[in-house]
Amino acid sequence: MRTAPRQLDDTAVAAKLFCGLGDQTRLGILRLLTAGEHRVSDIVAALDRSQGTISGHLRCLKDCGLVIDRPAGREVHYRLAHPELVDLLHAAERVLAVTGETVELCPNYTPTTSD
């Protein structure tokens, strides 16, 4: 049985979302998908990561409900599950436009990378 959605003020769930977005590869995938649907091979080429790495991150994003897939023969196409993600990523870009250098130099935040 499914549980009711959590309240928006649940900081633990929000922290999990931002932790997921904090991975450089997952964030790169989401940014690519803001332009529309992509095949796994397109994502692999664009991010210069292995197919296994991309597939693992796509599985994570799918499990979390951030992306959905569409099989097409032997290929799988991925897209954002919610248009609100585009707004969130664009808002982050606006924040970085005014704080980018400070964030980049901040010793407290080290982005995660995978591969």
N, C-alpha and C. Protein backbone atom coordinates (compact mmCIF):
# COMPACT_ATOMS: atom_id res chain seq x y z
N MET A 1 0.83 -1.18 0.00
CA MET A 1 0.00 0.00 0.00
C MET A 1 0.88 1.24 0.00
N ARG A 2 0.54 2.20 -0.86
CA ARG A 2 1.32 3.44 -0.96
C ARG A 2 0.96 4.37 0.17
N THR A 3 1.98 5.08 0.64
CA THR A 3 1.74 6.06 1.69
C THR A 3 1.44 7.41 1.07
N ALA A 4 0.83 8.28 1.84
CA ALA A 4 0.52 9.63 1.37
C ALA A 4 1.81 10.40 1.15
N PRO A 5 1.81 11.33 0.18
CA PRO A 5 3.01 12.15 -0.04
C PRO A 5 3.36 12.94 1.21
N ARG A 6 4.63 13.15 1.43
CA ARG A 6 5.08 13.93 2.58
C ARG A 6 4.81 15.41 2.37
N GLN A 7 4.76 16.11 3.45
CA GLN A 7 4.58 17.56 3.39
C GLN A 7 5.82 18.21 2.79
N LEU A 8 5.61 19.35 2.13
CA LEU A 8 6.73 20.03 1.49
C LEU A 8 7.77 20.52 2.48
N ASP A 9 7.39 20.69 3.75
CA ASP A 9 8.35 21.19 4.74
C ASP A 9 9.19 20.08 5.36
N ASP A 10 9.10 18.89 4.85
CA ASP A 10 9.89 17.78 5.36
C ASP A 10 11.33 17.94 4.87
N THR A 11 12.18 18.50 5.71
CA THR A 11 13.55 18.80 5.29
C THR A 11 14.38 17.56 5.02
N ALA A 12 14.04 16.46 5.66
CA ALA A 12 14.80 15.23 5.41
C ALA A 12 14.61 14.76 3.97
N VAL A 13 13.40 14.84 3.48
CA VAL A 13 13.13 14.43 2.09
C VAL A 13 13.76 15.43 1.13
N ALA A 14 13.65 16.72 1.44
CA ALA A 14 14.26 17.74 0.60
C ALA A 14 15.77 17.55 0.54
N ALA A 15 16.38 17.22 1.67
CA ALA A 15 17.83 17.00 1.71
C ALA A 15 18.21 15.81 0.82
N LYS A 16 17.38 14.77 0.81
CA LYS A 16 17.64 13.62 -0.05
C LYS A 16 17.59 14.02 -1.52
N LEU A 17 16.61 14.86 -1.87
CA LEU A 17 16.51 15.33 -3.24
C LEU A 17 17.78 16.08 -3.63
N PHE A 18 18.20 17.02 -2.79
CA PHE A 18 19.38 17.81 -3.12
C PHE A 18 20.65 16.98 -3.07
N CYS A 19 20.68 15.97 -2.25
CA CYS A 19 21.83 15.05 -2.24
C CYS A 19 21.90 14.33 -3.60
N GLY A 20 20.76 13.90 -4.09
CA GLY A 20 20.72 13.26 -5.40
C GLY A 20 21.14 14.19 -6.51
N LEU A 21 20.74 15.46 -6.40
CA LEU A 21 21.12 16.45 -7.40
C LEU A 21 22.58 16.85 -7.25
N GLY A 22 23.18 16.55 -6.10
CA GLY A 22 24.56 16.93 -5.83
C GLY A 22 25.60 16.07 -6.53
N ASP A 23 25.17 15.00 -7.15
CA ASP A 23 26.11 14.17 -7.91
C ASP A 23 26.28 14.77 -9.30
N GLN A 24 27.51 14.99 -9.70
CA GLN A 24 27.80 15.67 -10.96
C GLN A 24 27.22 14.93 -12.17
N THR A 25 27.29 13.63 -12.17
CA THR A 25 26.76 12.86 -13.30
C THR A 25 25.24 12.94 -13.35
N ARG A 26 24.58 12.75 -12.21
CA ARG A 26 23.11 12.83 -12.21
C ARG A 26 22.64 14.22 -12.59
N LEU A 27 23.31 15.24 -12.09
CA LEU A 27 22.94 16.60 -12.44
C LEU A 27 23.15 16.84 -13.95
N GLY A 28 24.23 16.32 -14.49
CA GLY A 28 24.47 16.43 -15.92
C GLY A 28 23.38 15.76 -16.75
N ILE A 29 22.95 14.60 -16.30
CA ILE A 29 21.85 13.90 -16.99
C ILE A 29 20.59 14.74 -16.96
N LEU A 30 20.24 15.25 -15.79
CA LEU A 30 19.03 16.05 -15.68
C LEU A 30 19.10 17.31 -16.55
N ARG A 31 20.26 17.95 -16.56
CA ARG A 31 20.42 19.15 -17.40
C ARG A 31 20.24 18.81 -18.87
N LEU A 32 20.78 17.67 -19.31
CA LEU A 32 20.58 17.24 -20.70
C LEU A 32 19.10 17.02 -20.99
N LEU A 33 18.42 16.40 -20.06
CA LEU A 33 17.02 16.06 -20.28
C LEU A 33 16.10 17.27 -20.24
N THR A 34 16.60 18.42 -19.77
CA THR A 34 15.76 19.62 -19.83
C THR A 34 15.50 20.01 -21.28
N ALA A 35 16.37 19.59 -22.20
CA ALA A 35 16.21 19.88 -23.62
C ALA A 35 15.28 18.88 -24.30
N GLY A 36 14.87 17.84 -23.59
CA GLY A 36 13.98 16.84 -24.16
C GLY A 36 14.53 15.43 -24.00
N GLU A 37 13.83 14.53 -24.59
CA GLU A 37 14.13 13.10 -24.47
C GLU A 37 15.48 12.76 -25.11
N HIS A 38 16.23 11.85 -24.45
CA HIS A 38 17.53 11.41 -24.96
C HIS A 38 17.64 9.89 -24.82
N ARG A 39 18.36 9.30 -25.76
CA ARG A 39 18.71 7.88 -25.67
C ARG A 39 19.90 7.74 -24.72
N VAL A 40 20.04 6.57 -24.17
CA VAL A 40 21.17 6.31 -23.27
C VAL A 40 22.49 6.59 -23.99
N SER A 41 22.61 6.15 -25.23
CA SER A 41 23.86 6.36 -25.97
C SER A 41 24.16 7.84 -26.16
N ASP A 42 23.13 8.67 -26.32
CA ASP A 42 23.33 10.12 -26.44
C ASP A 42 23.87 10.70 -25.14
N ILE A 43 23.34 10.22 -24.03
CA ILE A 43 23.77 10.71 -22.72
C ILE A 43 25.21 10.29 -22.45
N VAL A 44 25.54 9.04 -22.79
CA VAL A 44 26.90 8.53 -22.62
C VAL A 44 27.88 9.42 -23.39
N ALA A 45 27.55 9.73 -24.64
CA ALA A 45 28.44 10.54 -25.47
C ALA A 45 28.54 11.97 -24.94
N ALA A 46 27.42 12.54 -24.54
CA ALA A 46 27.43 13.94 -24.08
C ALA A 46 28.20 14.13 -22.78
N LEU A 47 28.10 13.16 -21.88
CA LEU A 47 28.75 13.30 -20.57
C LEU A 47 30.10 12.60 -20.50
N ASP A 48 30.48 11.88 -21.55
CA ASP A 48 31.76 11.17 -21.60
C ASP A 48 31.95 10.27 -20.37
N ARG A 49 30.93 9.48 -20.11
CA ARG A 49 30.97 8.50 -19.03
C ARG A 49 30.67 7.13 -19.64
N SER A 50 30.96 6.08 -18.91
CA SER A 50 30.68 4.74 -19.41
C SER A 50 29.18 4.48 -19.41
N GLN A 51 28.76 3.54 -20.26
CA GLN A 51 27.34 3.20 -20.31
C GLN A 51 26.87 2.65 -18.97
N GLY A 52 27.71 1.86 -18.31
CA GLY A 52 27.33 1.32 -17.01
C GLY A 52 27.09 2.41 -15.97
N THR A 53 27.94 3.43 -15.98
CA THR A 53 27.79 4.55 -15.05
C THR A 53 26.50 5.30 -15.33
N ILE A 54 26.26 5.61 -16.60
CA ILE A 54 25.04 6.35 -16.97
C ILE A 54 23.81 5.52 -16.65
N SER A 55 23.83 4.25 -16.98
CA SER A 55 22.68 3.39 -16.70
C SER A 55 22.38 3.32 -15.21
N GLY A 56 23.42 3.24 -14.40
CA GLY A 56 23.22 3.21 -12.94
C GLY A 56 22.59 4.49 -12.43
N HIS A 57 23.06 5.62 -12.93
CA HIS A 57 22.50 6.90 -12.50
C HIS A 57 21.08 7.09 -13.01
N LEU A 58 20.81 6.63 -14.24
CA LEU A 58 19.45 6.71 -14.75
C LEU A 58 18.51 5.84 -13.92
N ARG A 59 18.97 4.68 -13.51
CA ARG A 59 18.16 3.81 -12.66
C ARG A 59 17.85 4.50 -11.34
N CYS A 60 18.86 5.16 -10.77
CA CYS A 60 18.67 5.90 -9.53
C CYS A 60 17.63 7.01 -9.72
N LEU A 61 17.79 7.80 -10.78
CA LEU A 61 16.87 8.90 -11.05
C LEU A 61 15.46 8.39 -11.32
N LYS A 62 15.37 7.25 -11.97
CA LYS A 62 14.06 6.64 -12.23
C LYS A 62 13.44 6.13 -10.93
N ASP A 63 14.23 5.46 -10.12
CA ASP A 63 13.73 4.95 -8.83
C ASP A 63 13.21 6.07 -7.94
N CYS A 64 13.83 7.24 -8.05
CA CYS A 64 13.42 8.39 -7.25
C CYS A 64 12.29 9.18 -7.88
N GLY A 65 11.84 8.76 -9.05
CA GLY A 65 10.72 9.42 -9.71
C GLY A 65 11.06 10.71 -10.44
N LEU A 66 12.36 10.91 -10.73
CA LEU A 66 12.77 12.14 -11.41
C LEU A 66 12.80 12.00 -12.92
N VAL A 67 13.01 10.79 -13.42
CA VAL A 67 12.97 10.55 -14.87
C VAL A 67 12.08 9.35 -15.16
N ILE A 68 11.60 9.31 -16.38
CA ILE A 68 10.84 8.16 -16.86
C ILE A 68 11.45 7.71 -18.17
N ASP A 69 11.21 6.46 -18.51
CA ASP A 69 11.79 5.93 -19.74
C ASP A 69 10.70 5.45 -20.68
N ARG A 70 11.14 5.30 -21.95
CA ARG A 70 10.26 4.81 -23.00
C ARG A 70 11.08 3.87 -23.88
N PRO A 71 10.80 2.57 -23.79
CA PRO A 71 11.51 1.64 -24.66
C PRO A 71 11.10 1.86 -26.12
N ALA A 72 12.07 1.76 -27.00
CA ALA A 72 11.82 1.87 -28.44
C ALA A 72 12.72 0.86 -29.13
N GLY A 73 12.21 -0.35 -29.32
CA GLY A 73 13.03 -1.41 -29.88
C GLY A 73 14.13 -1.78 -28.90
N ARG A 74 15.37 -1.74 -29.36
CA ARG A 74 16.52 -2.08 -28.50
C ARG A 74 17.02 -0.89 -27.71
N GLU A 75 16.46 0.29 -27.94
CA GLU A 75 16.91 1.50 -27.25
C GLU A 75 15.91 1.90 -26.18
N VAL A 76 16.41 2.68 -25.24
CA VAL A 76 15.54 3.25 -24.21
C VAL A 76 15.75 4.76 -24.23
N HIS A 77 14.67 5.48 -24.26
CA HIS A 77 14.69 6.94 -24.26
C HIS A 77 14.25 7.43 -22.87
N TYR A 78 14.96 8.42 -22.37
CA TYR A 78 14.66 8.97 -21.04
C TYR A 78 14.23 10.42 -21.17
N ARG A 79 13.36 10.83 -20.25
CA ARG A 79 12.92 12.22 -20.18
C ARG A 79 12.61 12.56 -18.73
N LEU A 80 12.54 13.84 -18.44
CA LEU A 80 12.19 14.28 -17.10
C LEU A 80 10.76 13.84 -16.78
N ALA A 81 10.56 13.41 -15.56
CA ALA A 81 9.23 12.97 -15.15
C ALA A 81 8.33 14.14 -14.78
N HIS A 82 8.93 15.26 -14.42
CA HIS A 82 8.15 16.41 -13.96
C HIS A 82 8.72 17.70 -14.54
N PRO A 83 7.90 18.52 -15.17
CA PRO A 83 8.40 19.78 -15.74
C PRO A 83 8.94 20.72 -14.66
N GLU A 84 8.56 20.54 -13.42
CA GLU A 84 9.06 21.38 -12.34
C GLU A 84 10.57 21.26 -12.18
N LEU A 85 11.14 20.15 -12.61
CA LEU A 85 12.60 19.99 -12.54
C LEU A 85 13.31 21.02 -13.41
N VAL A 86 12.72 21.38 -14.52
CA VAL A 86 13.31 22.40 -15.39
C VAL A 86 13.38 23.72 -14.62
N ASP A 87 12.28 24.06 -13.94
CA ASP A 87 12.25 25.30 -13.15
C ASP A 87 13.32 25.26 -12.05
N LEU A 88 13.44 24.12 -11.38
CA LEU A 88 14.42 23.98 -10.30
C LEU A 88 15.84 24.16 -10.82
N LEU A 89 16.16 23.53 -11.93
CA LEU A 89 17.50 23.63 -12.50
C LEU A 89 17.79 25.04 -13.01
N HIS A 90 16.80 25.68 -13.60
CA HIS A 90 16.99 27.06 -14.05
C HIS A 90 17.16 28.00 -12.87
N ALA A 91 16.43 27.76 -11.78
CA ALA A 91 16.60 28.58 -10.58
C ALA A 91 18.01 28.41 -10.02
N ALA A 92 18.52 27.19 -10.04
CA ALA A 92 19.89 26.95 -9.57
C ALA A 92 20.90 27.69 -10.43
N GLU A 93 20.66 27.73 -11.74
CA GLU A 93 21.57 28.47 -12.63
C GLU A 93 21.55 29.96 -12.30
N ARG A 94 20.37 30.49 -11.96
CA ARG A 94 20.29 31.91 -11.60
C ARG A 94 21.02 32.19 -10.29
N VAL A 95 20.89 31.28 -9.33
CA VAL A 95 21.61 31.44 -8.07
C VAL A 95 23.12 31.38 -8.31
N LEU A 96 23.54 30.44 -9.13
CA LEU A 96 24.97 30.33 -9.44
C LEU A 96 25.50 31.55 -10.20
N ALA A 97 24.65 32.19 -10.96
CA ALA A 97 25.08 33.39 -11.69
C ALA A 97 25.50 34.49 -10.72
N VAL A 98 24.91 34.52 -9.53
CA VAL A 98 25.25 35.57 -8.56
C VAL A 98 26.16 35.08 -7.44
N THR A 99 26.30 33.76 -7.29
CA THR A 99 27.12 33.24 -6.19
C THR A 99 28.18 32.25 -6.65
N GLY A 100 28.28 32.03 -7.94
CA GLY A 100 29.12 30.97 -8.48
C GLY A 100 30.53 30.92 -7.97
N GLU A 101 31.22 32.05 -7.99
CA GLU A 101 32.62 32.05 -7.56
C GLU A 101 32.73 31.70 -6.08
N THR A 102 31.82 32.23 -5.27
CA THR A 102 31.84 31.94 -3.84
C THR A 102 31.56 30.46 -3.59
N VAL A 103 30.59 29.92 -4.31
CA VAL A 103 30.28 28.50 -4.16
C VAL A 103 31.47 27.66 -4.61
N GLU A 104 32.07 28.04 -5.72
CA GLU A 104 33.21 27.28 -6.25
C GLU A 104 34.38 27.25 -5.27
N LEU A 105 34.61 28.36 -4.57
CA LEU A 105 35.73 28.45 -3.63
C LEU A 105 35.40 27.93 -2.24
N CYS A 106 34.13 27.64 -1.98
CA CYS A 106 33.71 27.20 -0.65
C CYS A 106 34.36 25.86 -0.28
N PRO A 107 35.07 25.81 0.85
CA PRO A 107 35.73 24.55 1.25
C PRO A 107 34.76 23.53 1.84
N ASN A 108 33.51 23.92 2.10
CA ASN A 108 32.55 23.02 2.73
C ASN A 108 31.83 22.10 1.77
N TYR A 109 31.82 22.46 0.51
CA TYR A 109 31.07 21.67 -0.48
C TYR A 109 32.01 21.08 -1.50
N THR A 110 32.02 19.79 -1.57
CA THR A 110 32.82 19.09 -2.57
C THR A 110 31.85 18.26 -3.40
N PRO A 111 31.68 18.59 -4.68
CA PRO A 111 30.73 17.82 -5.49
C PRO A 111 31.21 16.39 -5.66
N THR A 112 30.26 15.48 -5.73
CA THR A 112 30.60 14.09 -5.96
C THR A 112 30.65 13.85 -7.45
N THR A 113 31.58 13.03 -7.85
CA THR A 113 31.66 12.60 -9.24
C THR A 113 31.66 11.09 -9.22
N SER A 114 31.22 10.55 -10.32
CA SER A 114 31.20 9.10 -10.39
C SER A 114 31.70 8.64 -11.73
N ASP A 115 32.36 7.54 -11.74
CA ASP A 115 32.85 6.83 -12.93
C ASP A 115 34.17 6.21 -12.64
